Structures are given as C-alpha cells and as structure tokens.
Amino acid sequence: MPVFVDTNVLIYALDPRFPEKQGVAQDWLKHCWRERIGRVSVQVLNEFYVNLVRINGGNFGARARAEIRQLMAWHPCAIDGALVETAWGIADEASVSHWDALIIAAAIHQDCDPCFRKTYSTDKPLMACGSSIRFARHLSKMRAPATTSSSTH
C-alpha cells in the first residue's frame, strides 16, 4: 500500500541538527524507495524546497531541486478541484487547517495509508486512514522496516 510522506519527514532526512529523527526519516524513505510505495503532493514538494533553502541558505537551492527531481518519480498529487473538495470535507469533519486537510486529501487521493507527517501543534505524526484521523507515536519513536540496501534510491 502506498505511503504518503510529508514535508517534515523529507526535511528530517537531510537535517543533521536532529540525528535521531534524521535516522528514522532516512530509514522510512529507504523503505519507500525500495518498496516503491512513496507518495507526495505538489504542496509537499514546494514546502520541502522553501524550507530546505530557508534552513540551509540560498546555496542549498540546487541540492533541494535535485532532491525534488528524484521525488518526482513518486508522481506527486496535484491540487485540483477534486482534491480541494475532499480537503474542505476533511477540514469541516476533523477541525484541521485547510493546509493540513490538503495533505490528508492528497494521501487519500493516492490511496495511501498511513500518512506520516509531523503536526506542528502536537509534534506527533498524523496518521490519515481513509477520512478518519488519529495520532500516532512521536516520529523519533517510530521505526521503519529494516532496510536491506545501502542505497537511498
């Protein structure tokens, strides 16, 4: 089953400031690449780019673009009318922000379960399963399945 990966997981994988989170994020991404189950949205890729450059400075732009070009293999979900309609329903039902609802809607539209992301208010990953929302353990306590390859992609 596809796994939706949010911006923070992608950033943690490249951010050495949080080594435990970095290791967990890298393990999950390796698993997603190996199993070919990773999914993202155009919104996530844009957030990823902006935040990588903000965190690491303008010189990091080329590296950020290279990472995003690789992630294009995951066929990012575009924001269209159907996605927005789904997001509005989620926002109303679950009392989440429009931006979070767009992420959850993108995961749903790509048949993903679960959606690994860190929520800003709780510092816990949000799990989106169908239209229901539940909170999971903190990202640093989650462990990806063991990897057998040393390759990231």
Protein backbone atom coordinates (compact mmCIF):
# COMPACT_ATOMS: atom_id res chain seq x y z
CA MET A 1 0.00 0.00 0.00
CA PRO A 2 1.37 3.46 -0.86
CA VAL A 3 2.70 5.64 1.97
CA PHE A 4 2.27 9.40 1.85
CA VAL A 5 5.38 11.21 3.10
CA ASP A 6 5.02 14.77 4.32
CA THR A 7 7.44 17.68 4.18
CA ASN A 8 8.89 17.25 7.67
CA VAL A 9 9.95 13.67 7.05
CA LEU A 10 11.75 14.76 3.88
CA ILE A 11 13.45 17.61 5.73
CA TYR A 12 14.44 15.46 8.71
CA ALA A 13 16.15 13.05 6.31
CA LEU A 14 18.55 15.84 5.27
CA ASP A 15 18.76 17.82 8.51
CA PRO A 16 21.74 16.81 10.70
CA ARG A 17 20.52 19.01 13.59
CA PHE A 18 18.23 16.17 14.78
CA PRO A 19 20.23 12.94 14.32
CA GLU A 20 17.63 10.58 15.80
CA LYS A 21 14.84 11.99 13.65
CA GLN A 22 17.20 12.04 10.68
CA GLY A 23 17.94 8.34 11.02
CA VAL A 24 14.27 7.39 11.35
CA ALA A 25 13.29 9.56 8.39
CA GLN A 26 16.10 8.13 6.26
CA ASP A 27 15.02 4.59 7.14
CA TRP A 28 11.43 5.32 6.13
CA LEU A 29 12.50 6.92 2.86
CA LYS A 30 14.79 3.98 2.04
CA HIS A 31 11.88 1.64 2.70
CA CYS A 32 9.57 3.72 0.49
CA TRP A 33 12.11 3.75 -2.35
CA ARG A 34 12.91 0.06 -2.04
CA GLU A 35 9.26 -0.99 -1.96
CA ARG A 36 8.22 1.71 -4.45
CA ILE A 37 5.44 2.86 -2.17
CA GLY A 38 6.37 6.52 -1.51
CA ARG A 39 3.92 9.26 -2.44
CA VAL A 40 3.99 13.04 -2.08
CA SER A 41 1.99 16.02 -3.28
CA VAL A 42 2.99 19.13 -5.18
CA GLN A 43 2.26 21.06 -1.97
CA VAL A 44 4.77 18.90 -0.08
CA LEU A 45 7.46 19.38 -2.72
CA ASN A 46 7.01 23.16 -2.63
CA GLU A 47 7.13 23.23 1.17
CA PHE A 48 10.20 20.99 1.07
CA TYR A 49 12.02 23.33 -1.31
CA VAL A 50 11.16 26.53 0.56
CA ASN A 51 12.10 25.09 3.95
CA LEU A 52 15.35 23.48 2.80
CA VAL A 53 16.51 26.78 1.33
CA ARG A 54 15.33 28.70 4.42
CA ILE A 55 17.12 26.32 6.81
CA ASN A 56 20.30 25.90 4.78
CA GLY A 57 20.60 29.16 2.86
CA GLY A 58 20.21 30.06 -0.79
CA ASN A 59 23.21 27.97 -1.82
CA PHE A 60 21.17 24.87 -0.97
CA GLY A 61 18.69 25.58 -3.80
CA ALA A 62 20.45 23.32 -6.31
CA ARG A 63 20.53 20.41 -3.83
CA ALA A 64 16.85 20.97 -2.99
CA ARG A 65 15.92 20.94 -6.68
CA ALA A 66 17.91 17.73 -7.22
CA GLU A 67 16.06 16.05 -4.34
CA ILE A 68 12.71 17.19 -5.72
CA ARG A 69 13.56 15.91 -9.20
CA GLN A 70 14.15 12.47 -7.67
CA LEU A 71 10.88 12.67 -5.73
CA MET A 72 9.02 13.34 -9.00
CA ALA A 73 9.30 9.57 -9.54
CA TRP A 74 6.59 9.29 -6.86
CA HIS A 75 4.12 11.06 -9.17
CA PRO A 76 3.18 13.95 -6.88
CA CYS A 77 -0.52 14.61 -6.44
CA ALA A 78 -1.53 17.98 -7.91
CA ILE A 79 -4.00 20.31 -6.27
CA ASP A 80 -7.15 20.23 -8.40
CA GLY A 81 -10.85 20.79 -7.83
CA ALA A 82 -11.50 17.25 -6.59
CA LEU A 83 -8.65 17.47 -4.08
CA VAL A 84 -9.89 20.82 -2.78
CA GLU A 85 -13.42 19.44 -2.34
CA THR A 86 -12.04 16.48 -0.38
CA ALA A 87 -9.92 18.83 1.73
CA TRP A 88 -12.91 21.02 2.58
CA GLY A 89 -14.81 17.97 3.79
CA ILE A 90 -11.87 16.84 5.92
CA ALA A 91 -11.35 20.32 7.37
CA ASP A 92 -15.02 20.54 8.34
CA GLU A 93 -15.21 16.99 9.73
CA ALA A 94 -11.90 16.90 11.57
CA SER A 95 -11.39 20.56 12.50
CA VAL A 96 -7.94 20.75 10.91
CA SER A 97 -6.48 23.63 8.93
CA HIS A 98 -7.04 23.87 5.20
CA TRP A 99 -3.35 23.18 4.58
CA ASP A 100 -3.37 20.03 6.70
CA ALA A 101 -6.62 18.95 5.05
CA LEU A 102 -4.97 19.30 1.62
CA ILE A 103 -2.17 16.98 2.77
CA ILE A 104 -4.63 14.41 4.10
CA ALA A 105 -6.74 14.70 0.94
CA ALA A 106 -3.65 14.13 -1.23
CA ALA A 107 -2.88 10.99 0.77
CA ILE A 108 -6.44 9.76 0.34
CA HIS A 109 -6.47 10.55 -3.39
CA GLN A 110 -3.33 8.43 -3.77
CA ASP A 111 -4.79 5.53 -1.77
CA CYS A 112 -2.21 5.99 0.96
CA ASP A 113 -2.42 4.55 4.43
CA PRO A 114 -0.92 5.81 6.61
CA CYS A 115 0.27 9.39 6.11
CA PHE A 116 3.47 10.03 8.00
CA ARG A 117 3.76 13.65 8.97
CA LYS A 118 4.59 15.73 11.97
CA THR A 119 1.81 18.02 13.10
CA TYR A 120 3.00 21.43 14.15
CA SER A 121 0.75 21.67 17.20
CA THR A 122 1.48 18.26 18.72
CA ASP A 123 4.91 17.31 17.35
CA LYS A 124 3.42 13.89 16.55
CA PRO A 125 2.93 12.29 13.17
CA LEU A 126 -0.60 12.43 11.86
CA MET A 127 -1.98 9.18 10.54
CA ALA A 128 -4.62 9.57 7.83
CA CYS A 129 -6.62 6.43 7.21
CA GLY A 130 -9.48 6.98 4.81
CA SER A 131 -11.28 10.03 6.16
CA SER A 132 -10.54 9.31 9.83
CA ILE A 133 -7.66 10.93 11.66
CA ARG A 134 -5.72 9.57 14.60
CA PHE A 135 -2.43 10.49 16.20
CA ALA A 136 0.50 8.11 16.41
CA ARG A 137 3.69 8.00 18.39
CA HIS A 138 6.31 10.70 18.02
CA LEU A 139 8.37 10.41 14.84
CA SER A 140 11.57 9.75 16.76
CA LYS A 141 9.99 6.65 18.33
CA MET A 142 8.70 5.23 15.06
CA ARG A 143 10.90 2.76 13.27
CA ALA A 144 10.83 1.92 9.61
CA PRO A 145 11.10 -1.67 8.49
CA ALA A 146 14.71 -2.83 8.32
CA THR A 147 16.47 -1.84 5.14
CA THR A 148 18.50 -4.28 3.13
CA SER A 149 20.03 -1.82 0.72
CA SER A 150 22.54 0.90 1.43
CA SER A 151 21.18 2.91 -1.48
CA THR A 152 18.78 5.76 -0.77
CA HIS A 153 17.01 5.41 -4.12
